[in-house]
Amino acid sequence: MNARTQVTLDPEMQRRAQARAAELNISFAEYVRRLLVQDLGEAKGKRGISAIFDIADAGPVTNIARSKDKMIAKAILDEHSARGRKKTSLKLKTGRR
């Protein structure tokens, strides 16, 4: 999300900056943003959608839509066992709806 900022400029500086933005065929706001990126560098932590998808490229192929109940149950049992509790068996109903 973008934040709105108000900046006070000397009238001559504003005129020159607006003229330069016009030369570049960009808005005054875009001109200011580019100057900030040039001085500060790109914002860190902002990532594209690829940061969410394709994060695992190793291991067996799975069908999450079909196997999600079993996968969740296994993760819960693994976490339960890792905390030092006795192992329990869990039986799931896996029928198509």
C-alpha atoms as a PDB file:
ATOM      1  CA  MET A   1       0.000   0.000   0.000  1.00  0.00           C
ATOM      2  CA  ASN A   2       1.286   3.449  -0.851  1.00  0.00           C
ATOM      3  CA  ALA A   3       1.525   6.285   1.653  1.00  0.00           C
ATOM      4  CA  ARG A   4       0.554   9.792   0.723  1.00  0.00           C
ATOM      5  CA  THR A   5       3.169  12.465   1.508  1.00  0.00           C
ATOM      6  CA  GLN A   6       3.065  16.241   1.285  1.00  0.00           C
ATOM      7  CA  VAL A   7       6.261  18.120   0.462  1.00  0.00           C
ATOM      8  CA  THR A   8       6.773  21.878   0.418  1.00  0.00           C
ATOM      9  CA  LEU A   9       9.083  23.146  -2.337  1.00  0.00           C
ATOM     10  CA  ASP A  10      10.446  26.489  -3.364  1.00  0.00           C
ATOM     11  CA  PRO A  11       8.343  27.643  -6.387  1.00  0.00           C
ATOM     12  CA  GLU A  12      11.385  27.681  -8.698  1.00  0.00           C
ATOM     13  CA  MET A  13      12.415  24.169  -7.624  1.00  0.00           C
ATOM     14  CA  GLN A  14       8.861  22.932  -8.197  1.00  0.00           C
ATOM     15  CA  ARG A  15       8.735  24.521 -11.657  1.00  0.00           C
ATOM     16  CA  ARG A  16      12.063  22.949 -12.638  1.00  0.00           C
ATOM     17  CA  ALA A  17      11.079  19.527 -11.287  1.00  0.00           C
ATOM     18  CA  GLN A  18       7.730  19.601 -13.101  1.00  0.00           C
ATOM     19  CA  ALA A  19       9.481  20.641 -16.310  1.00  0.00           C
ATOM     20  CA  ARG A  20      11.968  17.775 -15.960  1.00  0.00           C
ATOM     21  CA  ALA A  21       9.130  15.291 -15.352  1.00  0.00           C
ATOM     22  CA  ALA A  22       7.415  16.595 -18.489  1.00  0.00           C
ATOM     23  CA  GLU A  23      10.644  16.115 -20.489  1.00  0.00           C
ATOM     24  CA  LEU A  24      10.700  12.478 -19.314  1.00  0.00           C
ATOM     25  CA  ASN A  25       6.964  12.064 -20.092  1.00  0.00           C
ATOM     26  CA  ILE A  26       6.221  11.007 -16.526  1.00  0.00           C
ATOM     27  CA  SER A  27       4.174  12.529 -13.740  1.00  0.00           C
ATOM     28  CA  PHE A  28       5.749  14.740 -11.110  1.00  0.00           C
ATOM     29  CA  ALA A  29       4.973  12.049  -8.504  1.00  0.00           C
ATOM     30  CA  GLU A  30       6.731   9.377 -10.573  1.00  0.00           C
ATOM     31  CA  TYR A  31       9.703  11.704 -11.004  1.00  0.00           C
ATOM     32  CA  VAL A  32       9.982  12.129  -7.236  1.00  0.00           C
ATOM     33  CA  ARG A  33       9.608   8.356  -6.674  1.00  0.00           C
ATOM     34  CA  ARG A  34      12.424   7.668  -9.154  1.00  0.00           C
ATOM     35  CA  LEU A  35      14.683  10.179  -7.441  1.00  0.00           C
ATOM     36  CA  LEU A  36      14.023   8.505  -4.087  1.00  0.00           C
ATOM     37  CA  VAL A  37      14.778   5.049  -5.506  1.00  0.00           C
ATOM     38  CA  GLN A  38      17.958   6.418  -7.082  1.00  0.00           C
ATOM     39  CA  ASP A  39      19.093   7.810  -3.737  1.00  0.00           C
ATOM     40  CA  LEU A  40      17.795   5.105  -1.382  1.00  0.00           C
ATOM     41  CA  GLY A  41      17.721   2.039  -3.605  1.00  0.00           C
ATOM     42  CA  GLU A  42      14.829  -0.344  -4.137  1.00  0.00           C
ATOM     43  CA  ALA A  43      12.596  -1.174  -1.191  1.00  0.00           C
ATOM     44  CA  LYS A  44      13.614  -4.435   0.453  1.00  0.00           C
ATOM     45  CA  GLY A  45      11.138  -7.061   1.520  1.00  0.00           C
ATOM     46  CA  LYS A  46       8.775  -6.424  -1.341  1.00  0.00           C
ATOM     47  CA  ARG A  47       8.567  -9.610  -3.330  1.00  0.00           C
ATOM     48  CA  GLY A  48       6.484 -10.883  -6.154  1.00  0.00           C
ATOM     49  CA  ILE A  49       4.010 -13.717  -6.127  1.00  0.00           C
ATOM     50  CA  SER A  50       6.838 -16.131  -6.954  1.00  0.00           C
ATOM     51  CA  ALA A  51       7.936 -15.797  -3.328  1.00  0.00           C
ATOM     52  CA  ILE A  52       4.851 -17.789  -2.378  1.00  0.00           C
ATOM     53  CA  PHE A  53       4.753 -20.316  -5.192  1.00  0.00           C
ATOM     54  CA  ASP A  54       7.554 -22.597  -6.347  1.00  0.00           C
ATOM     55  CA  ILE A  55       9.280 -22.442  -2.968  1.00  0.00           C
ATOM     56  CA  ALA A  56       9.886 -26.182  -2.853  1.00  0.00           C
ATOM     57  CA  ASP A  57      11.608 -27.880  -5.722  1.00  0.00           C
ATOM     58  CA  ALA A  58      12.685 -31.106  -4.049  1.00  0.00           C
ATOM     59  CA  GLY A  59      10.859 -34.127  -2.766  1.00  0.00           C
ATOM     60  CA  PRO A  60       8.063 -36.254  -4.101  1.00  0.00           C
ATOM     61  CA  VAL A  61       5.263 -34.829  -6.192  1.00  0.00           C
ATOM     62  CA  THR A  62       2.064 -34.555  -4.164  1.00  0.00           C
ATOM     63  CA  ASN A  63      -1.581 -33.951  -4.916  1.00  0.00           C
ATOM     64  CA  ILE A  64      -2.471 -31.516  -2.160  1.00  0.00           C
ATOM     65  CA  ALA A  65      -6.105 -31.206  -3.186  1.00  0.00           C
ATOM     66  CA  ARG A  66      -6.620 -34.942  -2.817  1.00  0.00           C
ATOM     67  CA  SER A  67      -4.260 -35.631   0.098  1.00  0.00           C
ATOM     68  CA  LYS A  68      -4.550 -32.535   2.282  1.00  0.00           C
ATOM     69  CA  ASP A  69      -6.371 -34.280   5.148  1.00  0.00           C
ATOM     70  CA  LYS A  70      -3.687 -36.958   5.410  1.00  0.00           C
ATOM     71  CA  MET A  71      -0.907 -34.385   5.099  1.00  0.00           C
ATOM     72  CA  ILE A  72      -2.388 -32.190   7.855  1.00  0.00           C
ATOM     73  CA  ALA A  73      -2.924 -35.196  10.133  1.00  0.00           C
ATOM     74  CA  LYS A  74       0.679 -36.311   9.609  1.00  0.00           C
ATOM     75  CA  ALA A  75       1.981 -32.812  10.403  1.00  0.00           C
ATOM     76  CA  ILE A  76      -0.094 -32.707  13.595  1.00  0.00           C
ATOM     77  CA  LEU A  77       1.092 -36.148  14.674  1.00  0.00           C
ATOM     78  CA  ASP A  78       4.715 -35.243  13.907  1.00  0.00           C
ATOM     79  CA  GLU A  79       4.407 -32.064  15.990  1.00  0.00           C
ATOM     80  CA  HIS A  80       2.675 -33.983  18.777  1.00  0.00           C
ATOM     81  CA  SER A  81       5.436 -36.619  18.790  1.00  0.00           C
ATOM     82  CA  ALA A  82       8.179 -33.989  18.679  1.00  0.00           C
ATOM     83  CA  ARG A  83       6.924 -32.539  21.947  1.00  0.00           C
ATOM     84  CA  GLY A  84       7.667 -35.812  23.731  1.00  0.00           C
ATOM     85  CA  ARG A  85       4.153 -37.147  23.951  1.00  0.00           C
ATOM     86  CA  LYS A  86       3.346 -40.740  23.213  1.00  0.00           C
ATOM     87  CA  LYS A  87       2.557 -41.652  19.659  1.00  0.00           C
ATOM     88  CA  THR A  88      -1.076 -42.050  18.815  1.00  0.00           C
ATOM     89  CA  SER A  89      -2.702 -43.359  15.719  1.00  0.00           C
ATOM     90  CA  LEU A  90      -5.225 -41.321  13.841  1.00  0.00           C
ATOM     91  CA  LYS A  91      -7.714 -42.718  11.399  1.00  0.00           C
ATOM     92  CA  LEU A  92      -9.199 -40.374   8.857  1.00  0.00           C
ATOM     93  CA  LYS A  93     -12.306 -40.698   6.812  1.00  0.00           C
ATOM     94  CA  THR A  94     -11.221 -39.930   3.302  1.00  0.00           C
ATOM     95  CA  GLY A  95     -14.215 -40.111   1.090  1.00  0.00           C
ATOM     96  CA  ARG A  96     -15.070 -37.986  -1.855  1.00  0.00           C
ATOM     97  CA  ARG A  97     -17.879 -35.564  -1.420  1.00  0.00           C
END
